[in-house]
Amino acid sequence: MQLAIINGPNLNLLGKREPGIYGNASFESFFTELKNHFPDIQFHYFQSNIEGELVNALQKFGFDCDGIILNPAAYTHTSVAIGDAIASIKAPVIEVHISNVHAREDFRKISHVSAKAVGSIIGLGLKGYELAVQYFKDAPTQTRSSL
């Protein structure tokens, strides 16, 4: 099984950025743990602060991977292009947010991604990524392809 994790803007600063909201762990250290926890899964990882690069990554992985775990970060609330890219690809996408976006500023309650994703995991910290991986691992192949 191949899964891609795509992270949006400022998530390269995890471990340094607002630790009260996002925690103290870098994504790189968490990603190493995730790969060790799921050794039977081939992971691809991409992070960018640039909207078009995230669209390109969705298109790149969206036809070859069994699933995509996407944290579009602030682009969740502004990017119609990312939502359109999700609708255009074959791979099912799970939207993940580290913080509870519904408990934050009002503009964060808008998502151009949620309606195109098979599901959303919000506010559970980095554990949300692990839960998304487990979902893809447990979902039967025919269910994943028809999502």
Protein backbone atom coordinates (compact mmCIF):
# COMPACT_ATOMS: atom_id res chain seq x y z
CA MET A 1 0.00 0.00 0.00
CA GLN A 2 1.21 3.47 -0.87
CA LEU A 3 0.04 6.55 1.01
CA ALA A 4 1.04 10.15 0.49
CA ILE A 5 1.06 12.76 3.22
CA ILE A 6 0.83 16.30 1.92
CA ASN A 7 1.24 19.21 4.31
CA GLY A 8 0.55 22.85 3.56
CA PRO A 9 1.96 26.17 4.67
CA ASN A 10 3.89 26.63 7.89
CA LEU A 11 3.73 22.96 8.83
CA ASN A 12 7.46 22.82 8.17
CA LEU A 13 7.71 24.81 11.43
CA LEU A 14 6.08 22.18 13.64
CA GLY A 15 7.98 21.92 16.90
CA LYS A 16 8.89 25.61 16.71
CA ARG A 17 5.61 27.27 15.76
CA GLU A 18 3.04 28.01 18.47
CA PRO A 19 3.77 24.90 20.55
CA GLY A 20 0.67 25.56 22.67
CA ILE A 21 -1.44 24.83 19.59
CA TYR A 22 0.76 22.53 17.49
CA GLY A 23 2.96 20.78 20.06
CA ASN A 24 6.72 20.45 20.40
CA ALA A 25 7.45 17.66 17.91
CA SER A 26 8.77 18.32 14.44
CA PHE A 27 6.91 16.63 11.63
CA GLU A 28 10.13 14.94 10.54
CA SER A 29 10.53 13.16 13.89
CA PHE A 30 6.85 12.23 13.93
CA PHE A 31 7.08 10.95 10.33
CA THR A 32 9.96 8.65 11.30
CA GLU A 33 7.83 7.23 14.12
CA LEU A 34 4.86 6.82 11.79
CA LYS A 35 6.93 4.87 9.25
CA ASN A 36 8.28 2.64 12.05
CA HIS A 37 4.73 2.06 13.33
CA PHE A 38 3.48 1.07 9.85
CA PRO A 39 6.44 -0.70 8.21
CA ASP A 40 4.23 -2.40 5.62
CA ILE A 41 3.15 0.94 4.10
CA GLN A 42 5.19 2.84 1.55
CA PHE A 43 4.94 6.51 2.47
CA HIS A 44 5.52 9.55 0.30
CA TYR A 45 5.80 12.94 1.96
CA PHE A 46 5.51 16.43 0.55
CA GLN A 47 5.27 19.84 2.22
CA SER A 48 5.03 23.26 0.64
CA ASN A 49 4.10 26.78 1.54
CA ILE A 50 2.98 27.37 -2.06
CA GLU A 51 -0.60 26.60 -3.14
CA GLY A 52 0.22 25.55 -6.71
CA GLU A 53 2.86 23.10 -5.50
CA LEU A 54 0.24 21.45 -3.28
CA VAL A 55 -2.07 21.12 -6.30
CA ASN A 56 0.82 19.59 -8.27
CA ALA A 57 1.50 17.11 -5.45
CA LEU A 58 -2.16 16.08 -5.31
CA GLN A 59 -2.10 15.47 -9.06
CA LYS A 60 1.23 13.61 -8.86
CA PHE A 61 0.20 11.23 -6.06
CA GLY A 62 -3.52 11.17 -6.79
CA PHE A 63 -3.36 8.53 -9.50
CA ASP A 64 -0.62 6.26 -8.11
CA CYS A 65 -1.27 6.11 -4.36
CA ASP A 66 -3.95 4.20 -2.48
CA GLY A 67 -4.76 7.27 -0.42
CA ILE A 68 -3.68 10.76 0.51
CA ILE A 69 -3.59 12.36 3.93
CA LEU A 70 -3.81 16.10 3.40
CA ASN A 71 -3.32 18.92 5.84
CA PRO A 72 -3.78 21.97 3.62
CA ALA A 73 -3.36 24.23 6.68
CA ALA A 74 -4.49 27.81 6.00
CA TYR A 75 -5.25 26.95 2.36
CA THR A 76 -8.18 24.90 3.67
CA HIS A 77 -10.10 28.12 4.09
CA THR A 78 -9.08 29.88 0.88
CA SER A 79 -8.14 27.46 -1.89
CA VAL A 80 -10.80 26.45 -4.36
CA ALA A 81 -7.92 25.07 -6.47
CA ILE A 82 -6.97 22.50 -3.82
CA GLY A 83 -10.60 21.42 -3.48
CA ASP A 84 -10.85 21.08 -7.26
CA ALA A 85 -7.64 19.04 -7.36
CA ILE A 86 -9.05 16.60 -4.80
CA ALA A 87 -12.20 16.20 -6.90
CA SER A 88 -10.06 15.51 -9.98
CA ILE A 89 -7.94 12.65 -8.68
CA LYS A 90 -8.58 8.94 -8.15
CA ALA A 91 -7.07 8.49 -4.69
CA PRO A 92 -9.32 9.13 -1.70
CA VAL A 93 -8.21 12.01 0.53
CA ILE A 94 -8.53 12.35 4.28
CA GLU A 95 -8.29 15.92 5.55
CA VAL A 96 -6.30 16.25 8.78
CA HIS A 97 -5.89 19.30 11.01
CA ILE A 98 -3.70 19.26 14.09
CA SER A 99 -5.71 21.92 15.91
CA ASN A 100 -9.47 22.11 16.34
CA VAL A 101 -10.17 24.64 13.62
CA HIS A 102 -13.78 24.97 14.82
CA ALA A 103 -12.56 26.31 18.18
CA ARG A 104 -10.46 29.01 16.56
CA GLU A 105 -11.20 32.10 14.47
CA ASP A 106 -14.45 32.13 12.49
CA PHE A 107 -12.70 32.14 9.10
CA ARG A 108 -11.18 28.75 9.96
CA LYS A 109 -14.65 27.17 10.02
CA ILE A 110 -14.80 27.41 6.21
CA SER A 111 -13.25 24.51 4.29
CA HIS A 112 -12.90 24.12 0.54
CA VAL A 113 -11.55 20.63 1.22
CA SER A 114 -13.98 18.85 3.56
CA ALA A 115 -16.74 18.25 1.01
CA LYS A 116 -14.25 16.67 -1.42
CA ALA A 117 -12.51 14.47 1.19
CA VAL A 118 -13.78 11.07 2.32
CA GLY A 119 -13.43 12.29 5.89
CA SER A 120 -11.83 14.80 8.20
CA ILE A 121 -9.86 14.35 11.41
CA ILE A 122 -9.67 17.60 13.33
CA GLY A 123 -8.11 18.63 16.61
CA LEU A 124 -6.37 15.43 17.67
CA GLY A 125 -2.84 16.68 17.17
CA LEU A 126 -0.40 14.55 15.19
CA LYS A 127 -2.44 11.49 16.22
CA GLY A 128 -4.84 12.48 13.43
CA TYR A 129 -2.29 11.39 10.82
CA GLU A 130 -1.91 8.00 12.50
CA LEU A 131 -5.69 7.56 12.59
CA ALA A 132 -5.91 8.39 8.89
CA VAL A 133 -3.22 5.81 8.08
CA GLN A 134 -5.08 3.22 10.14
CA TYR A 135 -8.30 4.01 8.26
CA PHE A 136 -6.65 3.41 4.90
CA LYS A 137 -4.97 0.26 6.19
CA ASP A 138 -8.27 -1.17 7.47
CA ALA A 139 -10.51 -0.13 4.56
CA PRO A 140 -11.02 -2.90 2.02
CA THR A 141 -9.42 -2.19 -1.37
CA GLN A 142 -12.78 -2.03 -3.16
CA THR A 143 -14.03 0.49 -0.58
CA ARG A 144 -10.93 2.67 -0.99
CA SER A 145 -11.23 2.72 -4.76
CA SER A 146 -14.92 3.60 -4.67
CA LEU A 147 -14.64 6.38 -2.10
